[in-house]
Amino acid sequence: EPKKQLLYPKKAAGAQITQSQHRKVVIINTNTGLFWKASLVLAAAVILALIAYIKIIVVKKLVIKI
């Protein structure tokens, strides 16, 4: 008699495969934290760029006035 294999769908990195009460395969994505981290890094970069831009504008105005 051939062996029965359980066929699971391929899972993405960080995804977790579980079985529900009705024996259906459920894939839970655990990578949502990566999206938050990426957006926080982007926000920090934008804030730093704005601060640098403001400093350049201030210096240019001071140099032109003198």
PDB file of N, CA and C in Angstrom:
ATOM      1  N   GLU A   1       0.857  -1.186   0.000  1.00  0.00           N
ATOM      2  CA  GLU A   1       0.000   0.000   0.000  1.00  0.00           C
ATOM      3  C   GLU A   1       0.899   1.244   0.000  1.00  0.00           C
ATOM      4  N   PRO A   2       0.660   2.199  -0.908  1.00  0.00           N
ATOM      5  CA  PRO A   2       1.499   3.403  -0.941  1.00  0.00           C
ATOM      6  C   PRO A   2       1.253   4.279   0.280  1.00  0.00           C
ATOM      7  N   LYS A   3       2.318   4.984   0.659  1.00  0.00           N
ATOM      8  CA  LYS A   3       2.213   5.880   1.819  1.00  0.00           C
ATOM      9  C   LYS A   3       1.397   7.111   1.457  1.00  0.00           C
ATOM     10  N   LYS A   4       0.611   7.568   2.408  1.00  0.00           N
ATOM     11  CA  LYS A   4      -0.158   8.792   2.200  1.00  0.00           C
ATOM     12  C   LYS A   4       0.687   9.965   2.694  1.00  0.00           C
ATOM     13  N   GLN A   5       0.806  10.967   1.864  1.00  0.00           N
ATOM     14  CA  GLN A   5       1.548  12.159   2.246  1.00  0.00           C
ATOM     15  C   GLN A   5       0.576  13.315   2.415  1.00  0.00           C
ATOM     16  N   LEU A   6       0.831  14.099   3.443  1.00  0.00           N
ATOM     17  CA  LEU A   6       0.055  15.319   3.615  1.00  0.00           C
ATOM     18  C   LEU A   6       0.699  16.391   2.759  1.00  0.00           C
ATOM     19  N   LEU A   7      -0.052  16.959   1.865  1.00  0.00           N
ATOM     20  CA  LEU A   7       0.485  17.999   0.999  1.00  0.00           C
ATOM     21  C   LEU A   7       0.135  19.358   1.573  1.00  0.00           C
ATOM     22  N   TYR A   8       1.138  20.091   1.945  1.00  0.00           N
ATOM     23  CA  TYR A   8       0.947  21.437   2.467  1.00  0.00           C
ATOM     24  C   TYR A   8       1.350  22.433   1.389  1.00  0.00           C
ATOM     25  N   PRO A   9       0.687  23.561   1.330  1.00  0.00           N
ATOM     26  CA  PRO A   9       1.127  24.580   0.378  1.00  0.00           C
ATOM     27  C   PRO A   9       2.479  25.134   0.814  1.00  0.00           C
ATOM     28  N   LYS A  10       3.233  25.631  -0.161  1.00  0.00           N
ATOM     29  CA  LYS A  10       4.519  26.238   0.189  1.00  0.00           C
ATOM     30  C   LYS A  10       4.246  27.471   1.026  1.00  0.00           C
ATOM     31  N   LYS A  11       5.065  27.669   2.035  1.00  0.00           N
ATOM     32  CA  LYS A  11       4.835  28.831   2.887  1.00  0.00           C
ATOM     33  C   LYS A  11       5.913  29.872   2.655  1.00  0.00           C
ATOM     34  N   ALA A  12       5.535  31.120   2.794  1.00  0.00           N
ATOM     35  CA  ALA A  12       6.481  32.213   2.656  1.00  0.00           C
ATOM     36  C   ALA A  12       7.346  32.281   3.900  1.00  0.00           C
ATOM     37  N   ALA A  13       8.456  32.997   3.791  1.00  0.00           N
ATOM     38  CA  ALA A  13       9.336  33.139   4.948  1.00  0.00           C
ATOM     39  C   ALA A  13       8.579  33.828   6.069  1.00  0.00           C
ATOM     40  N   GLY A  14       8.626  33.276   7.248  1.00  0.00           N
ATOM     41  CA  GLY A  14       7.957  33.855   8.395  1.00  0.00           C
ATOM     42  C   GLY A  14       6.511  33.432   8.546  1.00  0.00           C
ATOM     43  N   ALA A  15       5.984  32.704   7.585  1.00  0.00           N
ATOM     44  CA  ALA A  15       4.595  32.254   7.689  1.00  0.00           C
ATOM     45  C   ALA A  15       4.542  30.990   8.535  1.00  0.00           C
ATOM     46  N   GLN A  16       3.434  30.788   9.173  1.00  0.00           N
ATOM     47  CA  GLN A  16       3.271  29.645  10.061  1.00  0.00           C
ATOM     48  C   GLN A  16       2.052  28.855   9.598  1.00  0.00           C
ATOM     49  N   ILE A  17       2.214  27.558   9.432  1.00  0.00           N
ATOM     50  CA  ILE A  17       1.099  26.722   8.975  1.00  0.00           C
ATOM     51  C   ILE A  17       0.475  26.023  10.175  1.00  0.00           C
ATOM     52  N   THR A  18      -0.826  26.151  10.316  1.00  0.00           N
ATOM     53  CA  THR A  18      -1.547  25.467  11.388  1.00  0.00           C
ATOM     54  C   THR A  18      -2.766  24.787  10.783  1.00  0.00           C
ATOM     55  N   GLN A  19      -3.407  23.944  11.555  1.00  0.00           N
ATOM     56  CA  GLN A  19      -4.637  23.304  11.095  1.00  0.00           C
ATOM     57  C   GLN A  19      -5.794  23.778  11.961  1.00  0.00           C
ATOM     58  N   SER A  20      -6.896  24.113  11.313  1.00  0.00           N
ATOM     59  CA  SER A  20      -8.080  24.541  12.050  1.00  0.00           C
ATOM     60  C   SER A  20      -8.843  23.313  12.536  1.00  0.00           C
ATOM     61  N   GLN A  21      -9.966  23.536  13.202  1.00  0.00           N
ATOM     62  CA  GLN A  21     -10.775  22.436  13.737  1.00  0.00           C
ATOM     63  C   GLN A  21     -11.317  21.543  12.628  1.00  0.00           C
ATOM     64  N   HIS A  22     -11.526  22.086  11.448  1.00  0.00           N
ATOM     65  CA  HIS A  22     -12.124  21.331  10.351  1.00  0.00           C
ATOM     66  C   HIS A  22     -11.071  20.747   9.417  1.00  0.00           C
ATOM     67  N   ARG A  23      -9.846  20.612   9.902  1.00  0.00           N
ATOM     68  CA  ARG A  23      -8.744  20.010   9.145  1.00  0.00           C
ATOM     69  C   ARG A  23      -8.370  20.798   7.892  1.00  0.00           C
ATOM     70  N   LYS A  24      -8.658  22.075   7.876  1.00  0.00           N
ATOM     71  CA  LYS A  24      -8.230  22.902   6.754  1.00  0.00           C
ATOM     72  C   LYS A  24      -6.890  23.522   7.123  1.00  0.00           C
ATOM     73  N   VAL A  25      -6.035  23.641   6.144  1.00  0.00           N
ATOM     74  CA  VAL A  25      -4.716  24.227   6.393  1.00  0.00           C
ATOM     75  C   VAL A  25      -4.856  25.739   6.377  1.00  0.00           C
ATOM     76  N   VAL A  26      -4.337  26.366   7.417  1.00  0.00           N
ATOM     77  CA  VAL A  26      -4.411  27.812   7.553  1.00  0.00           C
ATOM     78  C   VAL A  26      -2.991  28.348   7.605  1.00  0.00           C
ATOM     79  N   ILE A  27      -2.713  29.364   6.813  1.00  0.00           N
ATOM     80  CA  ILE A  27      -1.385  29.984   6.825  1.00  0.00           C
ATOM     81  C   ILE A  27      -1.501  31.324   7.538  1.00  0.00           C
ATOM     82  N   ILE A  28      -0.702  31.485   8.573  1.00  0.00           N
ATOM     83  CA  ILE A  28      -0.698  32.722   9.347  1.00  0.00           C
ATOM     84  C   ILE A  28       0.599  33.453   9.042  1.00  0.00           C
ATOM     85  N   ASN A  29       0.492  34.678   8.602  1.00  0.00           N
ATOM     86  CA  ASN A  29       1.687  35.445   8.275  1.00  0.00           C
ATOM     87  C   ASN A  29       2.210  36.113   9.537  1.00  0.00           C
ATOM     88  N   THR A  30       3.459  35.827   9.882  1.00  0.00           N
ATOM     89  CA  THR A  30       4.058  36.413  11.084  1.00  0.00           C
ATOM     90  C   THR A  30       5.056  37.506  10.739  1.00  0.00           C
ATOM     91  N   ASN A  31       5.072  37.952   9.492  1.00  0.00           N
ATOM     92  CA  ASN A  31       6.035  38.971   9.067  1.00  0.00           C
ATOM     93  C   ASN A  31       5.486  40.389   9.147  1.00  0.00           C
ATOM     94  N   THR A  32       4.365  40.603   9.792  1.00  0.00           N
ATOM     95  CA  THR A  32       3.796  41.948   9.822  1.00  0.00           C
ATOM     96  C   THR A  32       4.709  42.924  10.540  1.00  0.00           C
ATOM     97  N   GLY A  33       5.521  42.435  11.463  1.00  0.00           N
ATOM     98  CA  GLY A  33       6.457  43.311  12.164  1.00  0.00           C
ATOM     99  C   GLY A  33       7.485  43.920  11.239  1.00  0.00           C
ATOM    100  N   LEU A  34       7.828  43.227  10.174  1.00  0.00           N
ATOM    101  CA  LEU A  34       8.810  43.759   9.231  1.00  0.00           C
ATOM    102  C   LEU A  34       8.283  45.001   8.535  1.00  0.00           C
ATOM    103  N   PHE A  35       6.988  45.021   8.224  1.00  0.00           N
ATOM    104  CA  PHE A  35       6.417  46.182   7.565  1.00  0.00           C
ATOM    105  C   PHE A  35       6.464  47.396   8.485  1.00  0.00           C
ATOM    106  N   TRP A  36       6.188  47.184   9.765  1.00  0.00           N
ATOM    107  CA  TRP A  36       6.262  48.287  10.721  1.00  0.00           C
ATOM    108  C   TRP A  36       7.678  48.806  10.828  1.00  0.00           C
ATOM    109  N   LYS A  37       8.649  47.904  10.913  1.00  0.00           N
ATOM    110  CA  LYS A  37      10.043  48.331  11.023  1.00  0.00           C
ATOM    111  C   LYS A  37      10.468  49.107   9.791  1.00  0.00           C
ATOM    112  N   ALA A  38      10.080  48.644   8.621  1.00  0.00           N
ATOM    113  CA  ALA A  38      10.452  49.325   7.385  1.00  0.00           C
ATOM    114  C   ALA A  38       9.834  50.713   7.326  1.00  0.00           C
ATOM    115  N   SER A  39       8.587  50.851   7.757  1.00  0.00           N
ATOM    116  CA  SER A  39       7.948  52.163   7.709  1.00  0.00           C
ATOM    117  C   SER A  39       8.553  53.102   8.744  1.00  0.00           C
ATOM    118  N   LEU A  40       8.984  52.568   9.887  1.00  0.00           N
ATOM    119  CA  LEU A  40       9.635  53.418  10.881  1.00  0.00           C
ATOM    120  C   LEU A  40      10.988  53.903  10.390  1.00  0.00           C
ATOM    121  N   VAL A  41      11.725  53.049   9.707  1.00  0.00           N
ATOM    122  CA  VAL A  41      13.016  53.457   9.146  1.00  0.00           C
ATOM    123  C   VAL A  41      12.805  54.537   8.099  1.00  0.00           C
ATOM    124  N   LEU A  42      11.792  54.369   7.259  1.00  0.00           N
ATOM    125  CA  LEU A  42      11.492  55.367   6.241  1.00  0.00           C
ATOM    126  C   LEU A  42      11.101  56.696   6.882  1.00  0.00           C
ATOM    127  N   ALA A  43      10.280  56.656   7.919  1.00  0.00           N
ATOM    128  CA  ALA A  43       9.860  57.882   8.601  1.00  0.00           C
ATOM    129  C   ALA A  43      11.059  58.585   9.225  1.00  0.00           C
ATOM    130  N   ALA A  44      11.963  57.827   9.823  1.00  0.00           N
ATOM    131  CA  ALA A  44      13.157  58.423  10.424  1.00  0.00           C
ATOM    132  C   ALA A  44      14.024  59.076   9.355  1.00  0.00           C
ATOM    133  N   ALA A  45      14.154  58.435   8.208  1.00  0.00           N
ATOM    134  CA  ALA A  45      14.960  58.999   7.121  1.00  0.00           C
ATOM    135  C   ALA A  45      14.347  60.292   6.602  1.00  0.00           C
ATOM    136  N   VAL A  46      13.031  60.334   6.484  1.00  0.00           N
ATOM    137  CA  VAL A  46      12.358  61.546   6.006  1.00  0.00           C
ATOM    138  C   VAL A  46      12.537  62.676   7.006  1.00  0.00           C
ATOM    139  N   ILE A  47      12.400  62.382   8.283  1.00  0.00           N
ATOM    140  CA  ILE A  47      12.559  63.414   9.314  1.00  0.00           C
ATOM    141  C   ILE A  47      13.979  63.962   9.302  1.00  0.00           C
ATOM    142  N   LEU A  48      14.975  63.086   9.208  1.00  0.00           N
ATOM    143  CA  LEU A  48      16.366  63.546   9.170  1.00  0.00           C
ATOM    144  C   LEU A  48      16.641  64.381   7.923  1.00  0.00           C
ATOM    145  N   ALA A  49      16.064  64.001   6.797  1.00  0.00           N
ATOM    146  CA  ALA A  49      16.250  64.771   5.566  1.00  0.00           C
ATOM    147  C   ALA A  49      15.620  66.155   5.696  1.00  0.00           C
ATOM    148  N   LEU A  50      14.450  66.232   6.320  1.00  0.00           N
ATOM    149  CA  LEU A  50      13.808  67.539   6.520  1.00  0.00           C
ATOM    150  C   LEU A  50      14.628  68.431   7.440  1.00  0.00           C
ATOM    151  N   ILE A  51      15.174  67.862   8.494  1.00  0.00           N
ATOM    152  CA  ILE A  51      16.004  68.646   9.422  1.00  0.00           C
ATOM    153  C   ILE A  51      17.235  69.174   8.701  1.00  0.00           C
ATOM    154  N   ALA A  52      17.885  68.328   7.905  1.00  0.00           N
ATOM    155  CA  ALA A  52      19.067  68.763   7.155  1.00  0.00           C
ATOM    156  C   ALA A  52      18.693  69.856   6.159  1.00  0.00           C
ATOM    157  N   TYR A  53      17.562  69.720   5.488  1.00  0.00           N
ATOM    158  CA  TYR A  53      17.114  70.716   4.522  1.00  0.00           C
ATOM    159  C   TYR A  53      16.856  72.060   5.207  1.00  0.00           C
ATOM    160  N   ILE A  54      16.213  72.026   6.359  1.00  0.00           N
ATOM    161  CA  ILE A  54      15.936  73.263   7.099  1.00  0.00           C
ATOM    162  C   ILE A  54      17.237  73.934   7.516  1.00  0.00           C
ATOM    163  N   LYS A  55      18.209  73.156   7.976  1.00  0.00           N
ATOM    164  CA  LYS A  55      19.498  73.729   8.376  1.00  0.00           C
ATOM    165  C   LYS A  55      20.198  74.384   7.190  1.00  0.00           C
ATOM    166  N   ILE A  56      20.127  73.768   6.019  1.00  0.00           N
ATOM    167  CA  ILE A  56      20.755  74.348   4.825  1.00  0.00           C
ATOM    168  C   ILE A  56      20.078  75.661   4.456  1.00  0.00           C
ATOM    169  N   ILE A  57      18.766  75.717   4.525  1.00  0.00           N
ATOM    170  CA  ILE A  57      18.030  76.948   4.208  1.00  0.00           C
ATOM    171  C   ILE A  57      18.412  78.056   5.181  1.00  0.00           C
ATOM    172  N   VAL A  58      18.509  77.727   6.463  1.00  0.00           N
ATOM    173  CA  VAL A  58      18.867  78.728   7.473  1.00  0.00           C
ATOM    174  C   VAL A  58      20.266  79.261   7.205  1.00  0.00           C
ATOM    175  N   VAL A  59      21.204  78.388   6.922  1.00  0.00           N
ATOM    176  CA  VAL A  59      22.584  78.819   6.655  1.00  0.00           C
ATOM    177  C   VAL A  59      22.634  79.686   5.405  1.00  0.00           C
ATOM    178  N   LYS A  60      21.917  79.320   4.359  1.00  0.00           N
ATOM    179  CA  LYS A  60      21.909  80.128   3.133  1.00  0.00           C
ATOM    180  C   LYS A  60      21.350  81.517   3.400  1.00  0.00           C
ATOM    181  N   LYS A  61      20.292  81.606   4.197  1.00  0.00           N
ATOM    182  CA  LYS A  61      19.704  82.917   4.493  1.00  0.00           C
ATOM    183  C   LYS A  61      20.660  83.766   5.314  1.00  0.00           C
ATOM    184  N   LEU A  62      21.377  83.151   6.256  1.00  0.00           N
ATOM    185  CA  LEU A  62      22.337  83.900   7.064  1.00  0.00           C
ATOM    186  C   LEU A  62      23.504  84.386   6.213  1.00  0.00           C
ATOM    187  N   VAL A  63      23.979  83.573   5.305  1.00  0.00           N
ATOM    188  CA  VAL A  63      25.108  83.948   4.451  1.00  0.00           C
ATOM    189  C   VAL A  63      24.705  85.062   3.500  1.00  0.00           C
ATOM    190  N   ILE A  64      23.513  85.040   2.964  1.00  0.00           N
ATOM    191  CA  ILE A  64      23.058  86.078   2.040  1.00  0.00           C
ATOM    192  C   ILE A  64      22.877  87.403   2.770  1.00  0.00           C
ATOM    193  N   LYS A  65      22.408  87.392   4.014  1.00  0.00           N
ATOM    194  CA  LYS A  65      22.186  88.626   4.773  1.00  0.00           C
ATOM    195  C   LYS A  65      23.495  89.284   5.171  1.00  0.00           C
ATOM    196  N   ILE A  66      24.541  88.503   5.397  1.00  0.00           N
ATOM    197  CA  ILE A  66      25.820  89.076   5.851  1.00  0.00           C
ATOM    198  C   ILE A  66      26.515  89.637   4.683  1.00  0.00           C
TER     199      ILE A  66
END
